[in-house]
Amino acid sequence: MNEETVREKLQAELENLQSIVDEVKLQMHLGAKEAQDKIQPHLDELEQELRQAKEKWGQFESSSESAWADIQAGLRLSLKSMQHAFEKAKKHFPEQDKK
């Protein structure tokens, strides 16, 4: 993979992470207080993962080609962690929004 392809792929993944956080925030807003209390810890975890992914993206932007693989692997781990946290949070989404 060339630098531009890797960059585009990682940027798309970072945007996906942001959309996951946005979805959880929306569901918290739509939910009852009880659901919000259950979702908040998962949202905190998601936001922490997103911050870490953005830091890794910053490292990628300023890194040499030799560091790409390590940073790319770190971003992919962040994405997997966020997807796992999202699935846990999703269990507490308001019933009418579950699909």
C-alpha atoms as a PDB file:
ATOM      1  CA  MET A   1       0.000   0.000   0.000  1.00  0.00           C
ATOM      2  CA  ASN A   2       1.320   3.410  -0.830  1.00  0.00           C
ATOM      3  CA  GLU A   3       1.250   6.329   1.590  1.00  0.00           C
ATOM      4  CA  GLU A   4      -1.828   7.952   0.052  1.00  0.00           C
ATOM      5  CA  THR A   5      -3.869   4.736   0.162  1.00  0.00           C
ATOM      6  CA  VAL A   6      -2.919   4.102   3.782  1.00  0.00           C
ATOM      7  CA  ARG A   7      -3.671   7.721   4.680  1.00  0.00           C
ATOM      8  CA  GLU A   8      -7.125   7.574   3.031  1.00  0.00           C
ATOM      9  CA  LYS A   9      -7.974   4.270   4.683  1.00  0.00           C
ATOM     10  CA  LEU A  10      -6.938   5.471   8.140  1.00  0.00           C
ATOM     11  CA  GLN A  11      -8.778   8.775   7.683  1.00  0.00           C
ATOM     12  CA  ALA A  12     -11.954   6.837   6.821  1.00  0.00           C
ATOM     13  CA  GLU A  13     -11.525   4.697   9.939  1.00  0.00           C
ATOM     14  CA  LEU A  14     -11.029   7.780  12.099  1.00  0.00           C
ATOM     15  CA  GLU A  15     -14.218   9.289  10.654  1.00  0.00           C
ATOM     16  CA  ASN A  16     -15.996   6.026  11.461  1.00  0.00           C
ATOM     17  CA  LEU A  17     -14.800   6.255  15.067  1.00  0.00           C
ATOM     18  CA  GLN A  18     -16.231   9.773  15.288  1.00  0.00           C
ATOM     19  CA  SER A  19     -19.570   8.574  13.896  1.00  0.00           C
ATOM     20  CA  ILE A  20     -19.704   5.822  16.540  1.00  0.00           C
ATOM     21  CA  VAL A  21     -19.229   8.391  19.309  1.00  0.00           C
ATOM     22  CA  ASP A  22     -21.860  10.653  17.729  1.00  0.00           C
ATOM     23  CA  GLU A  23     -24.361   7.776  17.539  1.00  0.00           C
ATOM     24  CA  VAL A  24     -23.896   6.941  21.228  1.00  0.00           C
ATOM     25  CA  LYS A  25     -24.367  10.615  22.156  1.00  0.00           C
ATOM     26  CA  LEU A  26     -27.580  10.725  20.103  1.00  0.00           C
ATOM     27  CA  GLN A  27     -28.910   7.580  21.742  1.00  0.00           C
ATOM     28  CA  MET A  28     -28.094   8.975  25.183  1.00  0.00           C
ATOM     29  CA  HIS A  29     -30.044  12.115  24.338  1.00  0.00           C
ATOM     30  CA  LEU A  30     -33.036  10.066  23.162  1.00  0.00           C
ATOM     31  CA  GLY A  31     -33.002   7.713  26.135  1.00  0.00           C
ATOM     32  CA  ALA A  32     -34.504   7.919  29.576  1.00  0.00           C
ATOM     33  CA  LYS A  33     -32.331   8.945  32.514  1.00  0.00           C
ATOM     34  CA  GLU A  34     -31.803   5.288  33.444  1.00  0.00           C
ATOM     35  CA  ALA A  35     -30.545   4.481  29.927  1.00  0.00           C
ATOM     36  CA  GLN A  36     -28.313   7.548  29.958  1.00  0.00           C
ATOM     37  CA  ASP A  37     -26.718   6.428  33.213  1.00  0.00           C
ATOM     38  CA  LYS A  38     -26.007   3.001  31.723  1.00  0.00           C
ATOM     39  CA  ILE A  39     -24.629   4.397  28.452  1.00  0.00           C
ATOM     40  CA  GLN A  40     -22.385   7.093  29.974  1.00  0.00           C
ATOM     41  CA  PRO A  41     -19.528   4.768  31.034  1.00  0.00           C
ATOM     42  CA  HIS A  42     -19.431   3.309  27.525  1.00  0.00           C
ATOM     43  CA  LEU A  43     -19.456   6.799  26.024  1.00  0.00           C
ATOM     44  CA  ASP A  44     -16.548   7.779  28.259  1.00  0.00           C
ATOM     45  CA  GLU A  45     -14.630   4.730  27.015  1.00  0.00           C
ATOM     46  CA  LEU A  46     -15.463   5.568  23.389  1.00  0.00           C
ATOM     47  CA  GLU A  47     -14.365   9.167  23.760  1.00  0.00           C
ATOM     48  CA  GLN A  48     -11.070   8.081  25.326  1.00  0.00           C
ATOM     49  CA  GLU A  49     -10.451   5.659  22.454  1.00  0.00           C
ATOM     50  CA  LEU A  50     -11.288   8.419  19.955  1.00  0.00           C
ATOM     51  CA  ARG A  51      -8.814  10.803  21.607  1.00  0.00           C
ATOM     52  CA  GLN A  52      -6.122   8.129  21.441  1.00  0.00           C
ATOM     53  CA  ALA A  53      -6.929   7.394  17.803  1.00  0.00           C
ATOM     54  CA  LYS A  54      -6.667  11.097  16.957  1.00  0.00           C
ATOM     55  CA  GLU A  55      -3.284  11.251  18.701  1.00  0.00           C
ATOM     56  CA  LYS A  56      -2.150   8.241  16.669  1.00  0.00           C
ATOM     57  CA  TRP A  57      -3.428   9.947  13.526  1.00  0.00           C
ATOM     58  CA  GLY A  58      -1.336  12.988  14.395  1.00  0.00           C
ATOM     59  CA  GLN A  59       1.677  10.729  14.784  1.00  0.00           C
ATOM     60  CA  PHE A  60       0.925   9.121  11.446  1.00  0.00           C
ATOM     61  CA  GLU A  61       0.676  12.504   9.734  1.00  0.00           C
ATOM     62  CA  SER A  62       4.151  13.462  10.916  1.00  0.00           C
ATOM     63  CA  SER A  63       5.824  10.051  10.812  1.00  0.00           C
ATOM     64  CA  SER A  64       8.235   8.403   8.483  1.00  0.00           C
ATOM     65  CA  GLU A  65       7.211   5.530   6.270  1.00  0.00           C
ATOM     66  CA  SER A  66       8.868   3.035   8.630  1.00  0.00           C
ATOM     67  CA  ALA A  67       6.521   4.014  11.474  1.00  0.00           C
ATOM     68  CA  TRP A  68       3.330   3.655   9.416  1.00  0.00           C
ATOM     69  CA  ALA A  69       2.789  -0.014  10.151  1.00  0.00           C
ATOM     70  CA  ASP A  70       2.983   0.485  13.924  1.00  0.00           C
ATOM     71  CA  ILE A  71       0.700   3.510  13.901  1.00  0.00           C
ATOM     72  CA  GLN A  72      -1.726   1.865  11.497  1.00  0.00           C
ATOM     73  CA  ALA A  73      -1.894  -1.174  13.787  1.00  0.00           C
ATOM     74  CA  GLY A  74      -2.575   1.111  16.761  1.00  0.00           C
ATOM     75  CA  LEU A  75      -5.402   2.862  14.928  1.00  0.00           C
ATOM     76  CA  ARG A  76      -6.922  -0.465  13.974  1.00  0.00           C
ATOM     77  CA  LEU A  77      -6.810  -1.603  17.620  1.00  0.00           C
ATOM     78  CA  SER A  78      -8.546   1.630  18.636  1.00  0.00           C
ATOM     79  CA  LEU A  79     -11.253   0.989  16.055  1.00  0.00           C
ATOM     80  CA  LYS A  80     -11.814  -2.551  17.339  1.00  0.00           C
ATOM     81  CA  SER A  81     -11.929  -1.333  20.951  1.00  0.00           C
ATOM     82  CA  MET A  82     -14.433   1.348  20.029  1.00  0.00           C
ATOM     83  CA  GLN A  83     -16.634  -1.089  18.134  1.00  0.00           C
ATOM     84  CA  HIS A  84     -16.629  -3.378  21.173  1.00  0.00           C
ATOM     85  CA  ALA A  85     -17.531  -0.491  23.511  1.00  0.00           C
ATOM     86  CA  PHE A  86     -20.248   0.611  21.082  1.00  0.00           C
ATOM     87  CA  GLU A  87     -21.793  -2.859  21.108  1.00  0.00           C
ATOM     88  CA  LYS A  88     -21.871  -2.771  24.924  1.00  0.00           C
ATOM     89  CA  ALA A  89     -23.451   0.694  24.894  1.00  0.00           C
ATOM     90  CA  LYS A  90     -25.974  -0.326  22.243  1.00  0.00           C
ATOM     91  CA  LYS A  91     -27.529  -2.806  24.665  1.00  0.00           C
ATOM     92  CA  HIS A  92     -28.769   0.172  26.658  1.00  0.00           C
ATOM     93  CA  PHE A  93     -30.180   2.217  23.764  1.00  0.00           C
ATOM     94  CA  PRO A  94     -33.881   3.071  23.978  1.00  0.00           C
ATOM     95  CA  GLU A  95     -36.007   0.092  22.888  1.00  0.00           C
ATOM     96  CA  GLN A  96     -37.702   1.878  19.972  1.00  0.00           C
ATOM     97  CA  ASP A  97     -34.319   2.521  18.352  1.00  0.00           C
ATOM     98  CA  LYS A  98     -33.008  -1.052  18.484  1.00  0.00           C
ATOM     99  CA  LYS A  99     -32.924  -2.825  15.170  1.00  0.00           C
END
